[in-house]
Amino acid sequence: MLVTPAARGSRQGNRTTALRWAALLRSLGCRVRVATDWNGAPADLLVAVHARRSAGAVRRFRARHPRRPIVVALAGTDLYLDGLRHRTVRGALEAATRIVVLNRLARRRLPVALARRTRVILQSAPAAARAARRRSSATTRPIGRFDVLVLAHLRLVKDPLRAAHAARLLPGTSRVRVVQFGGARSAALAASARAEMRRNPRFVWRGDRPRAQTLAALARARLVVVSSRAEGGSNALSEALVAGVPVLATRVEGNVGLLGSRYSGLFEPGDTRGLSRLLARAETEARFLARLRKDVRRAARALRPAAERRAWAALLTEVVPPRGADRPPRLR
């Protein structure tokens, strides 16, 4: 059973991760069911995405099956923003046979006893993002614009309007336009985005759109901004890296753990002026943009689906007892 708090049809990162993992596990011979909770159905292994929000499923599965393995994947809100202090998060981690984190720096946040049980699995992105980028040409981009893409739902932890605020500080000659994709988690955040569009001619909020539209926008973008205040391992960042689109990202562990501490496009969370300076450099300095593009391609090498599949194969070998080739692990 693979449990995620994001419901069927959701475009949230947790659901995207769960569906990709389900496909990888099936390719390894597992029978997988994805659900928002564990309802007592038979399963040899429980995989829980988001420790705090899936803690109830973890607790009930452990009580019913004391000896069966549980894998708990830590979301950014579990790891950061004092998430590890929550009793529910700690309880889920104590019950876990293995813990999964989504960036190379996250393990150091955990106590030694938990870190020993923790494995790093970087989130891959499909080749569709890279293929769309290749099909895109300069003629498909709006003439006279330097489109900067933000792929993030409107949540406070994502600081989603930071790029829009930074664009306000650019000189009048700038061609930057910030295009935001993602649904609003509250009426207040939706109202803020609409108000920003009224006062800021450099900002457009597209709302929650189908994946095909976001991929097309990614293919045309000159730059992607990841402005999160905390990040466990962003699907949007992985997709931008695989597509070869230069990125500006906050200096938080989830981003640095994918990009590296020396990446030139990092800025401090909430630093509007710092981000504005980087936007100006990316637009006007060809060498700076080329360096970002080169570093992005280097980082993307670790994000291939085959590497993520190998990581899951190794993890299954650790936690699931051999059953014979004709009896693959049952996750439903």
Protein backbone atom coordinates (compact mmCIF):
# COMPACT_ATOMS: atom_id res chain seq x y z
CA MET A 1 0.00 0.00 0.00
CA LEU A 2 1.32 3.44 -0.95
CA VAL A 3 -0.35 6.18 1.10
CA THR A 4 -0.30 9.88 0.23
CA PRO A 5 -2.42 12.67 1.76
CA ALA A 6 -3.08 14.17 -1.69
CA ALA A 7 -6.34 12.89 -3.18
CA ARG A 8 -6.87 11.36 -6.61
CA GLY A 9 -6.76 14.05 -9.31
CA SER A 10 -4.64 16.40 -7.21
CA ARG A 11 -1.63 18.09 -8.81
CA GLN A 12 0.13 18.49 -5.46
CA GLY A 13 3.73 17.37 -5.21
CA ASN A 14 2.89 14.55 -2.81
CA ARG A 15 0.50 13.01 -5.34
CA THR A 16 3.00 13.42 -8.17
CA THR A 17 5.64 11.67 -6.09
CA ALA A 18 3.29 8.86 -5.08
CA LEU A 19 2.19 8.12 -8.63
CA ARG A 20 5.75 8.12 -9.93
CA TRP A 21 6.88 5.79 -7.15
CA ALA A 22 3.93 3.49 -7.80
CA ALA A 23 5.00 3.18 -11.44
CA LEU A 24 8.60 2.49 -10.43
CA LEU A 25 7.56 -0.15 -7.90
CA ARG A 26 5.31 -1.84 -10.44
CA SER A 27 8.23 -1.94 -12.86
CA LEU A 28 10.10 -3.85 -10.12
CA GLY A 29 7.36 -6.48 -9.97
CA CYS A 30 5.32 -5.11 -7.06
CA ARG A 31 1.54 -4.92 -6.96
CA VAL A 32 0.73 -1.41 -5.77
CA ARG A 33 -2.36 0.42 -4.66
CA VAL A 34 -2.26 4.21 -4.09
CA ALA A 35 -4.67 5.61 -1.50
CA THR A 36 -5.05 8.49 0.92
CA ASP A 37 -5.17 6.16 3.94
CA TRP A 38 -4.70 2.52 4.93
CA ASN A 39 -8.07 0.83 5.33
CA GLY A 40 -6.85 -2.52 6.65
CA ALA A 41 -6.32 -4.08 3.23
CA PRO A 42 -3.66 -6.83 3.07
CA ALA A 43 -0.16 -5.53 2.31
CA ASP A 44 3.38 -6.78 2.73
CA LEU A 45 4.76 -3.25 2.93
CA LEU A 46 3.40 0.22 3.64
CA VAL A 47 4.99 3.22 1.94
CA ALA A 48 3.80 6.50 3.48
CA VAL A 49 4.42 9.83 1.77
CA HIS A 50 4.49 12.70 4.32
CA ALA A 51 5.17 11.56 7.87
CA ARG A 52 2.82 13.91 9.70
CA ARG A 53 -0.21 13.64 7.42
CA SER A 54 0.16 9.86 6.96
CA ALA A 55 0.97 9.18 10.61
CA GLY A 56 -2.43 7.61 11.32
CA ALA A 57 -1.96 5.01 8.58
CA VAL A 58 1.55 4.24 9.86
CA ARG A 59 0.34 3.83 13.43
CA ARG A 60 -2.55 1.52 12.51
CA PHE A 61 -0.46 -0.59 10.12
CA ARG A 62 2.25 -1.05 12.74
CA ALA A 63 -0.32 -2.05 15.37
CA ARG A 64 -1.89 -4.64 13.03
CA HIS A 65 1.40 -5.89 11.55
CA PRO A 66 4.23 -5.45 14.09
CA ARG A 67 6.80 -7.27 11.94
CA ARG A 68 5.98 -5.96 8.48
CA PRO A 69 8.13 -3.19 6.99
CA ILE A 70 7.10 0.44 6.73
CA VAL A 71 8.86 3.08 4.62
CA VAL A 72 8.13 6.71 5.55
CA ALA A 73 9.06 9.50 3.13
CA LEU A 74 9.71 12.88 4.74
CA ALA A 75 8.16 15.93 3.11
CA GLY A 76 9.71 19.38 3.46
CA THR A 77 7.18 20.36 6.10
CA ASP A 78 8.14 17.22 8.07
CA LEU A 79 11.84 18.04 8.02
CA TYR A 80 11.82 21.80 8.33
CA LEU A 81 9.77 24.51 10.01
CA ASP A 82 10.01 22.54 13.30
CA GLY A 83 8.19 19.58 11.75
CA LEU A 84 10.47 17.08 13.50
CA ARG A 85 9.26 18.37 16.87
CA HIS A 86 5.72 17.17 16.19
CA ARG A 87 4.88 14.09 18.20
CA THR A 88 3.03 12.57 15.24
CA VAL A 89 6.08 12.95 12.97
CA ARG A 90 8.43 11.44 15.52
CA GLY A 91 6.02 8.58 16.12
CA ALA A 92 5.84 7.78 12.41
CA LEU A 93 9.64 7.83 12.14
CA GLU A 94 10.10 5.60 15.17
CA ALA A 95 7.70 3.08 13.59
CA ALA A 96 9.47 3.16 10.22
CA THR A 97 11.72 0.36 9.04
CA ARG A 98 13.32 2.81 6.61
CA ILE A 99 13.01 6.56 6.13
CA VAL A 100 13.31 8.24 2.74
CA VAL A 101 14.53 11.81 2.19
CA LEU A 102 14.57 13.62 -1.12
CA ASN A 103 17.79 15.61 -1.00
CA ARG A 104 21.40 14.88 -0.07
CA LEU A 105 21.52 17.18 2.97
CA ALA A 106 18.34 16.11 4.73
CA ARG A 107 19.74 13.12 6.62
CA ARG A 108 21.85 15.36 8.85
CA ARG A 109 18.65 16.81 10.33
CA LEU A 110 17.79 13.49 11.94
CA PRO A 111 19.08 11.96 15.18
CA VAL A 112 21.78 9.35 14.62
CA ALA A 113 19.46 6.42 15.34
CA LEU A 114 17.01 7.60 12.68
CA ALA A 115 19.70 8.68 10.21
CA ARG A 116 21.03 5.10 10.13
CA ARG A 117 17.66 3.96 8.79
CA THR A 118 17.43 6.80 6.26
CA ARG A 119 18.04 6.54 2.53
CA VAL A 120 18.31 9.36 -0.01
CA ILE A 121 16.17 8.94 -3.13
CA LEU A 122 16.36 11.91 -5.48
CA GLN A 123 13.17 12.68 -7.38
CA SER A 124 13.54 12.08 -11.09
CA ALA A 125 11.63 13.80 -13.84
CA PRO A 126 10.38 12.23 -17.07
CA ALA A 127 12.13 12.81 -20.37
CA ALA A 128 8.97 14.58 -21.57
CA ALA A 129 10.21 17.81 -19.99
CA ARG A 130 13.52 17.59 -21.84
CA ALA A 131 11.84 16.59 -25.10
CA ALA A 132 9.46 19.53 -24.90
CA ARG A 133 12.42 21.83 -24.39
CA ARG A 134 14.14 20.45 -27.49
CA ARG A 135 11.02 20.95 -29.60
CA SER A 136 10.75 24.54 -28.43
CA SER A 137 12.61 27.16 -30.43
CA ALA A 138 13.18 30.87 -30.06
CA THR A 139 10.34 31.52 -32.48
CA THR A 140 7.82 29.91 -30.12
CA ARG A 141 8.68 32.30 -27.29
CA PRO A 142 6.83 35.62 -27.05
CA ILE A 143 8.94 38.17 -28.91
CA GLY A 144 10.37 40.85 -26.64
CA ARG A 145 9.75 38.92 -23.40
CA PHE A 146 12.01 37.15 -20.95
CA ASP A 147 9.57 34.73 -19.36
CA VAL A 148 10.39 33.56 -15.82
CA LEU A 149 8.34 30.58 -14.66
CA VAL A 150 7.17 29.77 -11.12
CA LEU A 151 5.71 26.28 -10.72
CA ALA A 152 4.27 26.31 -7.21
CA HIS A 153 0.87 26.16 -5.59
CA LEU A 154 0.02 29.29 -3.65
CA ARG A 155 1.07 28.20 -0.15
CA LEU A 156 2.89 30.33 2.42
CA VAL A 157 5.79 27.87 2.64
CA LYS A 158 6.37 28.28 -1.11
CA ASP A 159 6.54 32.10 -0.84
CA PRO A 160 4.90 32.05 -4.27
CA LEU A 161 4.79 35.79 -5.03
CA ARG A 162 8.45 36.48 -4.23
CA ALA A 163 9.45 36.45 -7.91
CA ALA A 164 6.61 38.83 -8.76
CA HIS A 165 7.74 41.22 -6.02
CA ALA A 166 11.33 41.00 -7.25
CA ALA A 167 10.25 41.78 -10.80
CA ARG A 168 8.74 45.07 -9.61
CA LEU A 169 12.25 46.28 -8.74
CA LEU A 170 13.64 45.75 -12.23
CA PRO A 171 14.32 48.79 -14.43
CA GLY A 172 11.66 49.94 -16.86
CA THR A 173 13.67 48.57 -19.79
CA SER A 174 13.50 44.99 -18.46
CA ARG A 175 11.65 42.41 -20.54
CA VAL A 176 11.03 40.06 -17.59
CA ARG A 177 7.55 38.64 -17.14
CA VAL A 178 6.85 36.27 -14.24
CA VAL A 179 4.35 33.53 -15.12
CA GLN A 180 2.97 31.56 -12.17
CA PHE A 181 1.31 28.12 -12.42
CA GLY A 182 -0.37 26.60 -9.38
CA GLY A 183 -3.64 26.58 -7.51
CA ALA A 184 -4.35 28.70 -4.45
CA ARG A 185 -4.71 26.91 -1.11
CA SER A 186 -6.88 29.69 0.32
CA ALA A 187 -9.14 32.48 -0.84
CA ALA A 188 -6.77 34.99 0.74
CA LEU A 189 -3.81 33.76 -1.32
CA ALA A 190 -5.90 33.78 -4.50
CA ALA A 191 -6.91 37.36 -3.74
CA SER A 192 -3.26 38.30 -3.21
CA ALA A 193 -2.31 36.84 -6.59
CA ARG A 194 -5.11 38.70 -8.35
CA ALA A 195 -4.18 41.94 -6.62
CA GLU A 196 -0.56 41.43 -7.68
CA MET A 197 -1.65 41.06 -11.30
CA ARG A 198 -3.61 44.33 -11.11
CA ARG A 199 -0.69 46.32 -9.76
CA ASN A 200 2.21 44.52 -11.43
CA PRO A 201 2.28 44.38 -15.25
CA ARG A 202 5.19 41.94 -15.07
CA PHE A 203 3.14 39.21 -13.34
CA VAL A 204 0.61 36.68 -14.66
CA TRP A 205 -1.04 33.98 -12.53
CA ARG A 206 -2.35 31.09 -14.62
CA GLY A 207 -3.80 29.04 -11.75
CA ASP A 208 -3.88 25.25 -11.57
CA ARG A 209 -3.43 23.91 -15.11
CA PRO A 210 -3.04 20.46 -16.69
CA ARG A 211 0.44 19.03 -16.84
CA ALA A 212 0.66 19.41 -20.63
CA GLN A 213 0.26 23.17 -20.27
CA THR A 214 2.89 23.47 -17.55
CA LEU A 215 5.34 21.41 -19.63
CA ALA A 216 4.72 23.66 -22.63
CA ALA A 217 5.35 26.72 -20.46
CA LEU A 218 8.53 25.12 -19.08
CA ALA A 219 9.74 24.48 -22.62
CA ARG A 220 9.35 28.16 -23.49
CA ALA A 221 10.71 29.62 -20.25
CA ARG A 222 14.07 31.36 -20.07
CA LEU A 223 14.31 30.81 -16.33
CA VAL A 224 12.57 29.07 -13.41
CA VAL A 225 12.35 30.47 -9.87
CA VAL A 226 11.94 28.20 -6.82
CA SER A 227 11.32 30.59 -3.93
CA SER A 228 10.32 28.16 -1.15
CA ARG A 229 11.12 28.96 2.46
CA ALA A 230 11.47 25.22 3.09
CA GLU A 231 11.73 22.39 0.60
CA GLY A 232 12.23 18.66 0.98
CA GLY A 233 12.88 17.94 -2.68
CA SER A 234 10.87 19.85 -5.26
CA ASN A 235 9.30 18.07 -8.25
CA ALA A 236 9.25 21.44 -10.02
CA LEU A 237 12.99 21.86 -9.48
CA SER A 238 13.68 18.34 -10.78
CA GLU A 239 11.60 19.00 -13.89
CA ALA A 240 13.39 22.28 -14.58
CA LEU A 241 16.79 20.62 -14.18
CA VAL A 242 15.90 17.73 -16.48
CA ALA A 243 14.48 20.17 -19.05
CA GLY A 244 17.76 22.12 -18.93
CA VAL A 245 16.11 25.39 -17.88
CA PRO A 246 18.30 27.68 -15.74
CA VAL A 247 17.05 28.03 -12.17
CA LEU A 248 17.16 30.64 -9.41
CA ALA A 249 16.41 29.01 -6.05
CA THR A 250 16.40 29.78 -2.36
CA ARG A 251 19.35 28.67 -0.28
CA VAL A 252 17.42 26.01 1.64
CA GLU A 253 18.49 22.38 2.10
CA GLY A 254 15.99 20.90 -0.32
CA ASN A 255 17.33 23.08 -3.13
CA VAL A 256 21.01 23.10 -2.16
CA GLY A 257 20.85 19.32 -1.75
CA LEU A 258 20.08 19.08 -5.48
CA LEU A 259 21.98 22.06 -6.90
CA GLY A 260 25.07 22.14 -4.67
CA SER A 261 26.23 24.86 -2.29
CA ARG A 262 28.31 26.62 -4.98
CA TYR A 263 25.48 27.00 -7.46
CA SER A 264 25.49 30.61 -8.70
CA GLY A 265 21.71 31.06 -8.76
CA LEU A 266 21.00 30.77 -5.03
CA PHE A 267 19.42 33.55 -2.95
CA GLU A 268 18.31 33.79 0.66
CA PRO A 269 14.65 33.01 1.45
CA GLY A 270 12.55 36.16 1.37
CA ASP A 271 15.34 38.26 -0.17
CA THR A 272 13.40 40.23 -2.77
CA ARG A 273 16.29 42.50 -3.71
CA GLY A 274 18.73 39.62 -3.99
CA LEU A 275 16.37 37.77 -6.31
CA SER A 276 15.80 40.93 -8.35
CA ARG A 277 19.55 41.31 -8.87
CA LEU A 278 19.80 37.70 -10.06
CA LEU A 279 16.86 38.21 -12.42
CA ALA A 280 18.58 41.27 -13.90
CA ARG A 281 21.84 39.35 -14.35
CA ALA A 282 20.09 36.40 -15.99
CA GLU A 283 18.32 38.71 -18.42
CA THR A 284 21.30 40.90 -19.34
CA GLU A 285 24.44 38.77 -18.82
CA ALA A 286 24.67 35.98 -21.36
CA ARG A 287 27.68 34.42 -19.62
CA PHE A 288 25.83 34.22 -16.30
CA LEU A 289 22.81 32.55 -17.91
CA ALA A 290 25.09 30.12 -19.75
CA ARG A 291 26.82 29.19 -16.48
CA LEU A 292 23.49 28.50 -14.83
CA ARG A 293 22.46 26.35 -17.77
CA LYS A 294 25.70 24.36 -17.59
CA ASP A 295 25.34 23.78 -13.84
CA VAL A 296 21.71 22.75 -14.27
CA ARG A 297 22.67 20.11 -16.82
CA ARG A 298 25.31 18.75 -14.47
CA ALA A 299 22.81 18.51 -11.59
CA ALA A 300 20.27 16.79 -13.85
CA ARG A 301 22.52 13.75 -14.32
CA ALA A 302 21.49 12.42 -10.90
CA LEU A 303 17.77 12.80 -11.62
CA ARG A 304 17.21 10.13 -14.25
CA PRO A 305 14.27 7.74 -13.69
CA ALA A 306 16.64 4.76 -13.91
CA ALA A 307 18.62 6.07 -10.92
CA GLU A 308 15.46 6.50 -8.85
CA ARG A 309 14.33 3.00 -9.85
CA ARG A 310 17.69 1.53 -8.76
CA ALA A 311 17.40 3.31 -5.41
CA TRP A 312 13.97 1.77 -4.82
CA ALA A 313 15.21 -1.66 -5.88
CA ALA A 314 18.01 -1.42 -3.31
CA LEU A 315 15.57 -0.29 -0.62
CA LEU A 316 13.17 -3.16 -1.33
CA THR A 317 16.06 -5.59 -1.04
CA GLU A 318 16.74 -4.24 2.44
CA VAL A 319 13.21 -4.35 3.81
CA VAL A 320 11.24 -7.07 1.99
CA PRO A 321 12.15 -10.71 2.69
CA PRO A 322 12.74 -12.87 -0.41
CA ARG A 323 9.50 -14.43 -1.65
CA GLY A 324 10.56 -16.11 -4.87
CA ALA A 325 10.34 -14.81 -8.40
CA ASP A 326 6.70 -15.84 -8.72
CA ARG A 327 5.59 -13.93 -5.61
CA PRO A 328 6.57 -10.26 -5.83
CA PRO A 329 5.98 -7.94 -2.85
CA ARG A 330 2.36 -6.95 -2.41
CA LEU A 331 1.76 -3.28 -1.61
CA ARG A 332 -2.01 -3.26 -1.69
